Amino acid sequence: MKCCFTLSYIANGKPVTVYDLTENGDFALDISDNVSRRTVKITAKRDMELCDYREHSHDFFTKSDDKRDSYFMNGYQSWTDTREFYLSEKEHNVNRVPKPLMNIYMFDRYGDALFYDYKKDMLHGYDVFYKKGQNSCFVASVNEKNAYLIFEVNRKTGDLTLISDIKGKTLASGETFILCDYIYHGDYCSGVSALKKHYSNKSPKKIFGYTSWYNYYQDINEEIITRDLQALDERFNLFQIDDGYETYVGDWLDVDKKKFANGLAPIVDAAHKKGYMAGIWLAPFVAEEKSRLFTEKQSWFKVDKSGQPVKCGSNWSGFYALDLENKEVRDYISTCLKTYADMGFDFFKLDFLYAANFPKYNGKTSSQAAHDAYVFLREILGDKLILGCGATLSNACGVFDYMRVGPDVSLKFDDVWYMRFMHRERISTKVTLQNTIYRSFLNGVYFGNDPDVFLLRDDNLSLSKEQRRALITINALFGSVMMTSDNISDYDDEKRKLLAYALDLFENGEIVSFERRNKIINIVYKLRGESRELNYHTEKGVLI
C-alpha cells in the first residue's frame, strides 16, 4: 500500500519537518506494509522530541461524491457522541461556547477540545474508522499502547488523513517507537472480522444488573439500597451501588455514616446471599474540591504551567486530576480499591478515567499515559470485573472486562434544551442510543459493551412509553450489559412482559446488520435463527 507522509520533530532544539523521508542524521524509519497491515517504527539517532506524524493519499481510500456515503467517526472517550456522518453534517465544536460559561463549567475538559484543533470543514475520530457506500473501507489502529490514531475527513474534498497523536513523546538516541500500526480492509464486514481475529477476545459474560444512580443519583442511603436489593429476582446477577455512599469524591475510605450507619459490608453480604455479584462505583483518578484529599494533599494533584491544580470538569464541587506518577497517589488508589475488594465487592465501575491522560505526562504520549493507568487498575484488582466509564476505548481493550460506550442516559430524551449547545460528552439518551448501535462492532472484541441503563418506570422520568421501549430493545440487542435503576417490584403486567421480551433478546438475539438511512437506522437481527427487522428513528427515539 502506498501513501504520502510527513514527520515533525525537535532535535538539537530546532523544529524539523520532513516529507516522505525514511532516514536522515536524526532518525531512521522502518516501514512494514503487507496486504492489510501497515506498521511504521522510528529509531532515533540522537535525542529528540516527536511532534506530529500524518499520512494521506492511501491506496485503500478512494474519494467519492455520493452524498449517501457515510463515515464512522469514533469519539474521543466513552461519552463522546459517535456515529456515522454524511459529509453534509458538522461536528459540534465546544470551543464555540461563550468563555464565561466555559470558565465556570469547564465544558472543554471532558473531551479532546484542549488538544485537538477543531475545524468546521473537518470530521475526526479515534482509532477506528470506516466508510460505507462507494469505495468502502475499514481501518483500525492496533497501536493503543503507544499513540492514538486520529482520522480526519475533509467535508469539502472528501480526503482522508491519518494522524498519529505523538506530540510530546521523547526518544533517547537509539530508542525505537511505533509511530503507527493499523489494519485496513476494503469493506466493513471484512474489517470487523480482521479486528476480531487480531484481538481474539472471548465473549464476555452477560450482566443483568441494578445500579442506584438513575433514580436517586447521590441521594441514596441504607434503607433505599436494601429495599431495592430485596425487590430483585433470580434473573439478576449484579447489584451495584453507585455514587453517593462516600462523603466526597476522592475520600473513598470515608463512607457517609449518616447514610450508611452500618457501612457497606452488610449490603455486600446481602447481595451475595441472594446470589448476586456486588458492585461498587469509584472515580479513582480524581477528587473534588470539597474533599479532604484535595484539602490535605495538594502535592498529589497534577498542576498546569502556572502551578495550579488541573481541573477536569464541574461535577460535584469541581474536580481535579491526581498525579499518577506520584508513588503516594498510586499507593492511595491501591489502598482504596483493595479495601473494597477485600470487603467482597466483585464488580468495579471505575469512572471519569479520562483524567489519566489529561494533561499529558512528560515524555509520554496521551495514549501511553492512559494505557499505563488502566493497566495499573487491573494489577490492583486482579480478577475482579472492571467496567470502565468516561474512558478512552482503545486503552481499555484487553484490560477492562466491560466498557460504557455512550454518555449517561437522560431522564429526558435529549436532556434540557440548552445542554445541546454544550460539550460532546453531555448527558443524552438520544446520543447514547446512537453510540450503542454504531460502536456495537467492538462488543466482544475490545471488551463487553455497556449501553447504560434502561428505564421503564413511570415516575421521575420524562421518556415516553415508546422511547422507553426503544431504549430497552436496543440495549438488549447491542450490549453485553443490561442495567436498570428501577424498583422492579413496582412494575405492572405490561412492564413485566416488556422486560421478559427484552431479556429474551439479550440472551438469544444476534445482530446481523444495521444501516443508516438519514434519520432512520435499519436493524436486522436474528432471534433463535429467525430473521427479524427493526427501524429506529434517531430524532424521535422510537421504533417505527
Protein backbone atom coordinates (compact mmCIF):
# COMPACT_ATOMS: atom_id res chain seq x y z
CA MET A 1 0.00 0.00 0.00
CA LYS A 2 1.33 3.40 -0.95
CA CYS A 3 0.74 6.68 0.82
CA CYS A 4 2.41 10.03 1.45
CA PHE A 5 3.54 11.06 4.93
CA THR A 6 5.08 13.92 6.94
CA LEU A 7 7.01 13.73 10.19
CA SER A 8 7.68 16.67 12.52
CA TYR A 9 10.06 16.61 15.48
CA ILE A 10 12.52 18.66 17.51
CA ALA A 11 16.23 17.82 17.54
CA ASN A 12 19.10 19.94 18.83
CA GLY A 13 16.48 22.47 19.91
CA LYS A 14 15.30 23.02 16.34
CA PRO A 15 11.92 22.04 14.79
CA VAL A 16 12.20 19.85 11.70
CA THR A 17 9.57 18.63 9.21
CA VAL A 18 10.33 16.01 6.57
CA TYR A 19 8.22 14.68 3.70
CA ASP A 20 8.30 11.03 2.59
CA LEU A 21 11.80 10.73 4.02
CA THR A 22 12.74 7.44 5.67
CA GLU A 23 16.17 8.35 7.04
CA ASN A 24 18.47 11.26 7.83
CA GLY A 25 21.01 12.15 10.50
CA ASP A 26 18.30 12.31 13.20
CA PHE A 27 16.22 9.17 12.64
CA ALA A 28 15.51 6.06 10.59
CA LEU A 29 12.05 4.71 9.74
CA ASP A 30 11.23 1.02 9.40
CA ILE A 31 8.04 0.63 7.33
CA SER A 32 6.33 -2.75 7.17
CA ASP A 33 3.40 -2.93 4.78
CA ASN A 34 1.65 -6.09 3.66
CA VAL A 35 -1.74 -6.68 2.11
CA SER A 36 -3.76 -5.47 5.11
CA ARG A 37 -1.47 -4.05 7.81
CA ARG A 38 0.90 -1.10 7.94
CA THR A 39 3.44 -0.52 10.73
CA VAL A 40 5.81 2.43 10.92
CA LYS A 41 8.63 2.46 13.50
CA ILE A 42 11.09 5.23 14.18
CA THR A 43 14.56 4.78 15.67
CA ALA A 44 16.21 7.94 16.99
CA LYS A 45 19.84 8.60 16.08
CA ARG A 46 20.00 11.41 18.61
CA ASP A 47 17.78 12.62 21.47
CA MET A 48 14.59 14.06 20.02
CA GLU A 49 11.01 15.05 20.76
CA LEU A 50 8.24 13.91 18.42
CA CYS A 51 5.60 16.44 17.37
CA ASP A 52 3.46 15.05 14.54
CA TYR A 53 3.17 12.17 12.08
CA ARG A 54 0.48 12.07 9.41
CA GLU A 55 -0.37 10.11 6.27
CA HIS A 56 -2.61 10.82 3.29
CA SER A 57 -3.33 9.63 -0.26
CA HIS A 58 -3.70 5.98 0.79
CA ASP A 59 -4.39 3.31 -1.80
CA PHE A 60 -7.16 1.80 0.34
CA PHE A 61 -9.22 5.02 0.36
CA THR A 62 -10.86 6.45 -2.74
CA LYS A 63 -12.92 9.63 -2.65
CA SER A 64 -16.48 9.63 -3.94
CA ASP A 65 -19.10 12.28 -4.50
CA ASP A 66 -22.10 10.21 -3.45
CA LYS A 67 -23.95 12.15 -0.72
CA ARG A 68 -25.30 8.89 0.67
CA ASP A 69 -21.83 7.70 1.70
CA SER A 70 -21.41 7.56 5.47
CA TYR A 71 -18.24 7.95 7.54
CA PHE A 72 -17.88 6.45 11.01
CA MET A 73 -16.13 8.86 13.39
CA ASN A 74 -15.35 7.30 16.76
CA GLY A 75 -15.48 9.83 19.60
CA TYR A 76 -12.53 10.51 21.90
CA GLN A 77 -13.90 8.79 25.02
CA SER A 78 -16.86 6.78 26.31
CA TRP A 79 -19.28 9.68 26.42
CA THR A 80 -18.29 11.46 23.19
CA ASP A 81 -21.01 11.41 20.53
CA THR A 82 -20.18 8.72 17.98
CA ARG A 83 -21.96 7.83 14.77
CA GLU A 84 -21.85 7.65 11.01
CA PHE A 85 -21.73 11.10 9.43
CA TYR A 86 -22.65 12.34 5.98
CA LEU A 87 -20.26 14.95 4.63
CA SER A 88 -23.08 17.47 4.81
CA GLU A 89 -23.09 17.16 8.63
CA LYS A 90 -20.82 19.03 11.05
CA GLU A 91 -19.26 18.05 14.35
CA HIS A 92 -20.22 20.03 17.40
CA ASN A 93 -17.39 22.33 18.49
CA VAL A 94 -17.42 23.02 22.24
CA ASN A 95 -14.99 25.90 21.74
CA ARG A 96 -17.92 27.95 20.47
CA VAL A 97 -19.41 28.00 23.97
CA PRO A 98 -19.14 31.55 25.42
CA LYS A 99 -15.98 31.92 27.52
CA PRO A 100 -17.80 32.97 30.72
CA LEU A 101 -19.74 29.68 30.64
CA MET A 102 -16.61 27.74 29.74
CA ASN A 103 -14.71 29.23 32.67
CA ILE A 104 -17.46 28.22 35.09
CA TYR A 105 -18.38 24.77 33.81
CA MET A 106 -15.16 23.64 32.09
CA PHE A 107 -17.02 22.02 29.19
CA ASP A 108 -13.76 21.73 27.24
CA ARG A 109 -12.24 19.36 29.83
CA TYR A 110 -14.45 16.32 29.18
CA GLY A 111 -13.31 15.64 25.62
CA ASP A 112 -10.42 16.49 23.32
CA ALA A 113 -11.08 20.21 22.79
CA LEU A 114 -7.89 21.33 24.57
CA PHE A 115 -5.53 19.30 22.40
CA TYR A 116 -7.35 18.80 19.09
CA ASP A 117 -7.86 21.78 16.80
CA TYR A 118 -11.50 21.65 15.70
CA LYS A 119 -12.16 22.93 12.17
CA LYS A 120 -15.60 23.48 10.65
CA ASP A 121 -14.71 21.60 7.46
CA MET A 122 -13.30 18.54 9.24
CA LEU A 123 -14.79 15.42 10.76
CA HIS A 124 -12.49 13.50 13.07
CA GLY A 125 -12.47 10.29 15.09
CA TYR A 126 -10.15 7.99 17.03
CA ASP A 127 -8.54 4.61 16.38
CA VAL A 128 -11.32 3.02 14.28
CA PHE A 129 -12.76 4.39 11.04
CA TYR A 130 -14.90 3.08 8.24
CA LYS A 131 -16.66 4.35 5.17
CA LYS A 132 -19.84 2.79 3.80
CA GLY A 133 -21.07 3.39 0.25
CA GLN A 134 -18.92 3.86 -2.84
CA ASN A 135 -15.38 2.56 -2.40
CA SER A 136 -15.93 1.33 1.17
CA CYS A 137 -13.07 0.77 3.59
CA PHE A 138 -12.33 -0.11 7.22
CA VAL A 139 -9.24 1.00 9.18
CA ALA A 140 -8.38 0.22 12.80
CA SER A 141 -5.32 1.06 14.87
CA VAL A 142 -3.69 -1.70 16.88
CA ASN A 143 -1.19 0.70 18.45
CA GLU A 144 -3.14 1.59 21.61
CA LYS A 145 -0.12 1.11 23.87
CA ASN A 146 1.75 3.89 22.06
CA ALA A 147 -0.39 6.50 20.31
CA TYR A 148 -3.94 7.31 19.29
CA LEU A 149 -4.63 7.29 15.57
CA ILE A 150 -6.85 10.21 14.56
CA PHE A 151 -8.82 10.04 11.32
CA GLU A 152 -9.68 13.33 9.62
CA VAL A 153 -12.13 13.59 6.73
CA ASN A 154 -12.36 16.87 4.85
CA ARG A 155 -16.07 17.62 4.38
CA LYS A 156 -15.42 19.68 1.23
CA THR A 157 -12.94 17.48 -0.61
CA GLY A 158 -13.64 14.05 0.90
CA ASP A 159 -9.93 13.50 1.57
CA LEU A 160 -8.80 11.24 4.44
CA THR A 161 -5.78 11.97 6.65
CA LEU A 162 -4.38 9.70 9.37
CA ILE A 163 -2.65 11.47 12.28
CA SER A 164 -0.66 9.71 14.97
CA ASP A 165 -1.02 11.58 18.28
CA ILE A 166 2.67 11.54 19.22
CA LYS A 167 3.04 15.11 20.46
CA GLY A 168 5.42 15.34 23.42
CA LYS A 169 6.91 11.86 23.10
CA THR A 170 10.65 11.99 23.81
CA LEU A 171 13.14 9.49 22.44
CA ALA A 172 16.71 8.91 23.57
CA SER A 173 19.37 8.14 20.99
CA GLY A 174 18.96 4.54 19.86
CA GLU A 175 15.36 4.23 21.15
CA THR A 176 12.66 2.80 18.87
CA PHE A 177 8.98 3.79 18.93
CA ILE A 178 5.97 2.67 16.90
CA LEU A 179 4.50 5.73 15.18
CA CYS A 180 1.51 3.88 13.80
CA ASP A 181 0.28 0.32 13.39
CA TYR A 182 -3.07 -0.33 11.74
CA ILE A 183 -5.06 -2.86 9.76
CA TYR A 184 -7.08 -1.90 6.69
CA HIS A 185 -9.67 -3.69 4.60
CA GLY A 186 -11.95 -2.89 1.70
CA ASP A 187 -15.28 -3.17 3.48
CA TYR A 188 -16.89 -3.04 6.92
CA CYS A 189 -17.55 -6.77 7.37
CA SER A 190 -14.05 -7.98 6.47
CA GLY A 191 -12.56 -5.20 8.61
CA VAL A 192 -14.59 -6.15 11.68
CA SER A 193 -13.69 -9.81 11.14
CA ALA A 194 -9.98 -8.93 10.99
CA LEU A 195 -10.26 -6.82 14.15
CA LYS A 196 -11.86 -9.74 16.00
CA LYS A 197 -9.14 -12.06 14.79
CA HIS A 198 -6.38 -9.66 15.88
CA TYR A 199 -7.60 -9.27 19.47
CA SER A 200 -9.08 -12.76 19.87
CA ASN A 201 -11.05 -11.66 22.91
CA LYS A 202 -13.55 -14.08 24.37
CA SER A 203 -17.23 -13.26 24.52
CA PRO A 204 -17.82 -11.60 27.89
CA LYS A 205 -20.24 -12.92 30.45
CA LYS A 206 -23.55 -11.10 30.09
CA ILE A 207 -24.51 -8.90 33.01
CA PHE A 208 -28.10 -8.17 34.04
CA GLY A 209 -27.98 -5.83 36.98
CA TYR A 210 -29.20 -2.98 39.09
CA THR A 211 -27.45 0.36 39.69
CA SER A 212 -28.67 3.01 42.11
CA TRP A 213 -27.70 6.06 40.03
CA TYR A 214 -30.53 6.74 37.55
CA ASN A 215 -33.26 7.10 40.11
CA TYR A 216 -31.70 8.50 43.26
CA TYR A 217 -28.36 9.85 42.00
CA GLN A 218 -26.35 10.80 45.13
CA ASP A 219 -29.43 10.67 47.37
CA ILE A 220 -29.00 7.07 48.47
CA ASN A 221 -28.96 5.50 51.91
CA GLU A 222 -29.03 2.09 53.52
CA GLU A 223 -32.84 1.93 53.53
CA ILE A 224 -33.19 2.68 49.80
CA ILE A 225 -30.38 0.35 48.78
CA THR A 226 -31.64 -2.52 50.93
CA ARG A 227 -35.23 -2.09 49.71
CA ASP A 228 -34.23 -2.16 46.03
CA LEU A 229 -31.92 -5.13 46.60
CA GLN A 230 -34.77 -7.13 48.11
CA ALA A 231 -37.02 -6.27 45.13
CA LEU A 232 -34.75 -8.01 42.62
CA ASP A 233 -35.46 -11.56 41.44
CA GLU A 234 -33.35 -14.52 40.36
CA ARG A 235 -32.82 -13.20 36.82
CA PHE A 236 -30.37 -10.56 38.10
CA ASN A 237 -26.68 -11.33 38.62
CA LEU A 238 -25.35 -7.91 39.76
CA PHE A 239 -26.31 -5.35 42.38
CA GLN A 240 -24.21 -2.18 42.11
CA ILE A 241 -24.01 0.78 44.49
CA ASP A 242 -23.24 3.98 42.59
CA ASP A 243 -22.07 7.45 43.64
CA GLY A 244 -23.39 8.84 46.93
CA TYR A 245 -22.11 6.41 49.56
CA GLU A 246 -18.85 8.35 50.12
CA THR A 247 -18.63 11.69 51.93
CA TYR A 248 -16.87 13.37 48.99
CA VAL A 249 -15.48 12.15 45.69
CA GLY A 250 -11.86 11.24 46.37
CA ASP A 251 -12.41 10.31 50.03
CA TRP A 252 -13.23 6.73 49.16
CA LEU A 253 -12.48 5.34 52.60
CA ASP A 254 -14.91 7.77 54.26
CA VAL A 255 -18.32 6.11 53.91
CA ASP A 256 -21.06 8.57 54.88
CA LYS A 257 -22.20 7.33 58.30
CA LYS A 258 -25.41 9.35 58.16
CA LYS A 259 -26.47 7.39 55.09
CA PHE A 260 -24.86 4.04 55.86
CA ALA A 261 -24.57 3.68 59.61
CA ASN A 262 -23.56 0.03 59.26
CA GLY A 263 -21.17 0.60 56.39
CA LEU A 264 -21.33 -1.26 53.08
CA ALA A 265 -20.22 -4.73 54.14
CA PRO A 266 -23.73 -5.88 55.18
CA ILE A 267 -25.03 -4.93 51.72
CA VAL A 268 -22.29 -6.95 50.07
CA ASP A 269 -23.26 -9.93 52.22
CA ALA A 270 -26.95 -9.48 51.42
CA ALA A 271 -26.23 -9.33 47.67
CA HIS A 272 -24.12 -12.48 47.85
CA LYS A 273 -26.80 -14.24 49.85
CA LYS A 274 -29.25 -13.61 47.01
CA GLY A 275 -26.75 -14.98 44.51
CA TYR A 276 -25.68 -11.64 43.00
CA MET A 277 -22.29 -10.11 42.44
CA ALA A 278 -21.80 -6.95 44.50
CA GLY A 279 -20.68 -3.87 42.57
CA ILE A 280 -19.26 -0.51 43.63
CA TRP A 281 -18.64 2.80 41.83
CA LEU A 282 -15.45 4.85 42.21
CA ALA A 283 -13.64 7.58 40.25
CA PRO A 284 -10.08 6.65 41.28
CA PHE A 285 -8.11 9.25 39.31
CA VAL A 286 -9.87 12.39 40.60
CA ALA A 287 -11.01 14.18 43.75
CA GLU A 288 -13.46 17.01 44.20
CA GLU A 289 -12.63 20.39 45.65
CA LYS A 290 -14.55 19.81 48.90
CA SER A 291 -12.82 16.52 49.60
CA ARG A 292 -10.44 16.03 52.48
CA LEU A 293 -7.97 14.60 49.98
CA PHE A 294 -7.87 17.81 47.92
CA THR A 295 -7.61 19.97 51.04
CA GLU A 296 -4.86 17.99 52.75
CA LYS A 297 -2.84 16.57 49.85
CA GLN A 298 -2.31 19.40 47.38
CA SER A 299 1.01 17.91 46.27
CA TRP A 300 -0.81 14.83 45.00
CA PHE A 301 -2.51 16.68 42.13
CA LYS A 302 -1.34 17.46 38.64
CA VAL A 303 -0.60 21.13 38.09
CA ASP A 304 -0.67 23.24 34.93
CA LYS A 305 2.08 25.56 33.65
CA SER A 306 1.06 28.21 36.16
CA GLY A 307 1.27 25.74 39.05
CA GLN A 308 -2.50 25.44 39.55
CA PRO A 309 -4.24 22.08 40.06
CA VAL A 310 -5.60 20.72 36.78
CA LYS A 311 -9.38 20.87 36.80
CA CYS A 312 -11.18 18.10 34.90
CA GLY A 313 -14.74 19.44 34.96
CA SER A 314 -17.51 20.96 37.04
CA ASN A 315 -19.21 17.87 38.50
CA TRP A 316 -19.75 17.91 42.27
CA SER A 317 -17.80 20.90 43.67
CA GLY A 318 -15.42 20.81 40.71
CA PHE A 319 -12.84 18.03 40.46
CA TYR A 320 -9.14 17.67 39.77
CA ALA A 321 -6.69 15.15 38.31
CA LEU A 322 -4.45 13.18 40.62
CA ASP A 323 -0.79 12.86 39.63
CA LEU A 324 -0.43 9.21 38.67
CA GLU A 325 3.35 9.48 38.57
CA ASN A 326 3.36 10.20 42.32
CA LYS A 327 4.03 6.98 44.27
CA GLU A 328 1.93 8.14 47.23
CA VAL A 329 -1.01 8.71 44.90
CA ARG A 330 -0.67 5.22 43.48
CA ASP A 331 -0.43 3.74 46.95
CA TYR A 332 -3.58 5.60 47.99
CA ILE A 333 -5.55 4.42 44.93
CA SER A 334 -4.35 0.88 45.55
CA THR A 335 -5.38 1.01 49.22
CA CYS A 336 -8.86 2.30 48.34
CA LEU A 337 -9.56 -0.29 45.66
CA LYS A 338 -8.15 -3.17 47.70
CA THR A 339 -10.30 -2.13 50.68
CA TYR A 340 -13.46 -2.64 48.62
CA ALA A 341 -12.10 -5.80 47.01
CA ASP A 342 -11.34 -7.24 50.44
CA MET A 343 -14.85 -6.24 51.56
CA GLY A 344 -16.14 -8.67 48.97
CA PHE A 345 -17.09 -6.46 46.04
CA ASP A 346 -16.85 -8.42 42.79
CA PHE A 347 -17.53 -5.71 40.21
CA PHE A 348 -15.93 -2.26 39.95
CA LYS A 349 -17.41 0.55 37.89
CA LEU A 350 -14.47 2.96 37.53
CA ASP A 351 -15.48 6.36 36.22
CA PHE A 352 -14.00 9.65 34.92
CA LEU A 353 -10.93 7.76 33.77
CA TYR A 354 -10.11 10.30 31.05
CA ALA A 355 -8.32 12.21 33.83
CA ALA A 356 -5.42 9.77 33.41
CA ASN A 357 -4.30 11.43 30.18
CA PHE A 358 -5.24 14.98 30.98
CA PRO A 359 -2.94 16.78 30.85
CA LYS A 360 -0.23 14.83 29.07
CA TYR A 361 2.67 13.43 31.07
CA ASN A 362 6.21 14.48 30.29
CA GLY A 363 7.85 12.33 27.65
CA LYS A 364 4.76 10.16 27.08
CA THR A 365 2.00 10.26 24.55
CA SER A 366 -1.52 10.66 25.84
CA SER A 367 -2.29 7.06 24.88
CA GLN A 368 0.75 5.76 26.77
CA ALA A 369 -0.34 7.59 29.91
CA ALA A 370 -3.86 6.16 29.72
CA HIS A 371 -2.68 2.64 28.93
CA ASP A 372 -0.29 2.64 31.88
CA ALA A 373 -3.03 3.96 34.19
CA TYR A 374 -5.59 1.36 33.11
CA VAL A 375 -3.10 -1.50 33.46
CA PHE A 376 -2.35 -0.17 36.96
CA LEU A 377 -6.04 -0.58 37.87
CA ARG A 378 -6.07 -4.12 36.53
CA GLU A 379 -2.95 -5.01 38.52
CA ILE A 380 -4.62 -3.80 41.71
CA LEU A 381 -7.92 -5.59 41.17
CA GLY A 382 -6.64 -8.84 39.70
CA ASP A 383 -9.52 -10.98 38.50
CA LYS A 384 -12.28 -8.67 39.73
CA LEU A 385 -14.63 -7.50 36.97
CA ILE A 386 -13.97 -3.93 35.80
CA LEU A 387 -16.40 -1.70 33.94
CA GLY A 388 -14.66 1.39 32.56
CA CYS A 389 -16.54 4.65 32.10
CA GLY A 390 -15.56 8.10 30.87
CA ALA A 391 -12.50 6.41 29.39
CA THR A 392 -10.64 6.17 26.09
CA LEU A 393 -11.88 3.00 24.45
CA SER A 394 -8.76 1.64 22.77
CA ASN A 395 -6.76 1.80 26.01
CA ALA A 396 -9.39 -0.35 27.73
CA CYS A 397 -9.07 -3.07 25.10
CA GLY A 398 -7.96 -6.31 26.73
CA VAL A 399 -7.63 -4.56 30.11
CA PHE A 400 -11.21 -3.96 31.25
CA ASP A 401 -13.98 -6.54 31.06
CA TYR A 402 -16.70 -4.06 30.16
CA MET A 403 -16.87 -0.50 28.90
CA ARG A 404 -19.51 2.17 28.67
CA VAL A 405 -19.88 3.11 25.01
CA GLY A 406 -22.05 6.23 25.33
CA PRO A 407 -22.91 9.13 27.62
CA ASP A 408 -25.28 8.85 30.55
CA VAL A 409 -28.92 8.15 29.80
CA SER A 410 -31.02 11.24 30.46
CA LEU A 411 -34.40 11.21 32.18
CA LYS A 412 -35.46 13.31 29.18
CA PHE A 413 -34.78 12.01 25.67
CA ASP A 414 -32.22 14.70 24.81
CA ASP A 415 -31.77 16.38 28.20
CA VAL A 416 -32.64 20.05 28.74
CA TRP A 417 -32.51 22.15 25.56
CA TYR A 418 -29.57 24.40 26.46
CA MET A 419 -27.26 21.45 27.12
CA ARG A 420 -27.46 20.56 23.42
CA PHE A 421 -25.17 23.51 22.74
CA MET A 422 -22.53 22.43 25.24
CA HIS A 423 -19.94 19.63 25.16
CA ARG A 424 -19.99 16.45 23.09
CA GLU A 425 -19.91 14.34 26.26
CA ARG A 426 -23.18 15.70 27.66
CA ILE A 427 -25.91 13.51 29.15
CA SER A 428 -28.33 12.39 26.43
CA THR A 429 -30.46 9.31 25.79
CA LYS A 430 -30.62 10.33 22.14
CA VAL A 431 -26.83 10.32 21.82
CA THR A 432 -26.18 7.18 23.84
CA LEU A 433 -28.60 5.11 21.76
CA GLN A 434 -26.71 6.02 18.59
CA ASN A 435 -23.38 5.29 20.28
CA THR A 436 -24.76 1.91 21.35
CA ILE A 437 -25.59 0.97 17.77
CA TYR A 438 -22.55 2.38 15.98
CA ARG A 439 -19.97 1.09 18.48
CA SER A 440 -21.59 -2.36 18.63
CA PHE A 441 -18.87 -3.98 16.49
CA LEU A 442 -16.46 -3.52 19.44
CA ASN A 443 -18.61 -5.78 21.64
CA GLY A 444 -16.68 -8.94 22.41
CA VAL A 445 -13.64 -7.56 20.57
CA TYR A 446 -12.27 -4.77 22.76
CA PHE A 447 -14.49 -5.62 25.76
CA GLY A 448 -18.14 -6.21 26.58
CA ASN A 449 -20.19 -3.15 25.61
CA ASP A 450 -22.23 -1.38 28.29
CA PRO A 451 -25.00 0.71 26.66
CA ASP A 452 -26.04 2.18 30.04
CA VAL A 453 -29.41 1.69 31.70
CA PHE A 454 -32.93 1.01 30.53
CA LEU A 455 -35.78 2.69 32.43
CA LEU A 456 -39.39 1.52 32.34
CA ARG A 457 -40.83 3.21 35.44
CA ASP A 458 -43.49 5.93 35.18
CA ASP A 459 -42.31 8.24 37.97
CA ASN A 460 -39.26 10.54 37.95
CA LEU A 461 -38.92 10.11 34.18
CA SER A 462 -39.88 12.08 31.05
CA LEU A 463 -39.26 9.42 28.40
CA SER A 464 -42.42 8.42 26.55
CA LYS A 465 -43.62 4.83 26.63
CA GLU A 466 -42.41 4.37 23.03
CA GLN A 467 -38.98 5.82 23.86
CA ARG A 468 -38.66 3.52 26.86
CA ARG A 469 -39.46 0.55 24.61
CA ALA A 470 -36.82 1.60 22.08
CA LEU A 471 -34.23 2.09 24.83
CA ILE A 472 -34.65 -1.36 26.39
CA THR A 473 -34.87 -3.08 22.98
CA ILE A 474 -31.69 -1.53 21.55
CA ASN A 475 -29.77 -2.04 24.80
CA ALA A 476 -30.80 -5.71 24.83
CA LEU A 477 -29.76 -6.32 21.23
CA PHE A 478 -26.48 -4.44 21.10
CA GLY A 479 -24.82 -4.83 24.51
CA SER A 480 -23.27 -7.28 26.95
CA VAL A 481 -24.59 -5.37 29.96
CA MET A 482 -28.22 -4.61 30.82
CA MET A 483 -28.72 -2.40 33.85
CA THR A 484 -31.62 -0.53 35.40
CA SER A 485 -32.21 1.77 38.34
CA ASP A 486 -35.90 0.92 38.63
CA ASN A 487 -37.51 -0.74 41.60
CA ILE A 488 -38.91 -3.61 39.53
CA SER A 489 -41.36 -4.62 42.23
CA ASP A 490 -43.39 -1.60 41.09
CA TYR A 491 -43.74 -2.92 37.51
CA ASP A 492 -47.23 -3.66 36.22
CA ASP A 493 -48.01 -6.58 33.88
CA GLU A 494 -47.17 -4.59 30.75
CA LYS A 495 -43.72 -3.64 32.04
CA ARG A 496 -43.02 -7.17 33.26
CA LYS A 497 -43.85 -8.55 29.81
CA LEU A 498 -41.62 -5.96 28.10
CA LEU A 499 -38.73 -6.79 30.43
CA ALA A 500 -39.16 -10.52 29.74
CA TYR A 501 -39.16 -9.82 25.99
CA ALA A 502 -36.00 -7.71 26.28
CA LEU A 503 -34.20 -10.35 28.33
CA ASP A 504 -35.02 -12.90 25.63
CA LEU A 505 -33.41 -10.57 23.07
CA PHE A 506 -30.45 -10.05 25.39
CA GLU A 507 -29.77 -13.76 25.76
CA ASN A 508 -30.79 -15.06 22.35
CA GLY A 509 -30.76 -12.17 19.88
CA GLU A 510 -27.97 -11.72 17.32
CA ILE A 511 -27.34 -8.59 15.25
CA VAL A 512 -26.97 -9.28 11.53
CA SER A 513 -26.58 -5.72 10.22
CA PHE A 514 -27.50 -2.08 10.70
CA GLU A 515 -27.71 0.64 8.07
CA ARG A 516 -28.20 4.37 8.35
CA ARG A 517 -30.91 5.85 6.12
CA ASN A 518 -30.90 9.54 7.02
CA LYS A 519 -32.80 9.73 10.35
CA ILE A 520 -33.64 6.03 10.36
CA ILE A 521 -31.34 3.17 11.32
CA ASN A 522 -32.50 -0.13 9.86
CA ILE A 523 -31.57 -3.05 12.13
CA VAL A 524 -31.64 -6.69 11.06
CA TYR A 525 -31.25 -9.36 13.73
CA LYS A 526 -31.94 -13.00 14.40
CA LEU A 527 -33.83 -14.47 17.33
CA ARG A 528 -33.36 -18.23 17.64
CA GLY A 529 -32.43 -18.39 13.95
CA GLU A 530 -35.45 -16.39 12.75
CA SER A 531 -34.60 -13.19 10.86
CA ARG A 532 -36.32 -10.02 12.11
CA GLU A 533 -36.12 -6.30 11.40
CA LEU A 534 -36.45 -3.01 13.30
CA ASN A 535 -36.34 0.62 12.20
CA TYR A 536 -35.16 3.14 14.78
CA HIS A 537 -35.93 6.86 14.36
CA THR A 538 -32.92 8.73 15.78
CA GLU A 539 -34.67 12.09 16.18
CA LYS A 540 -37.85 10.79 17.82
CA GLY A 541 -36.21 7.98 19.78
CA VAL A 542 -38.82 5.40 18.82
CA LEU A 543 -39.10 2.19 16.83
CA ILE A 544 -41.22 2.59 13.69
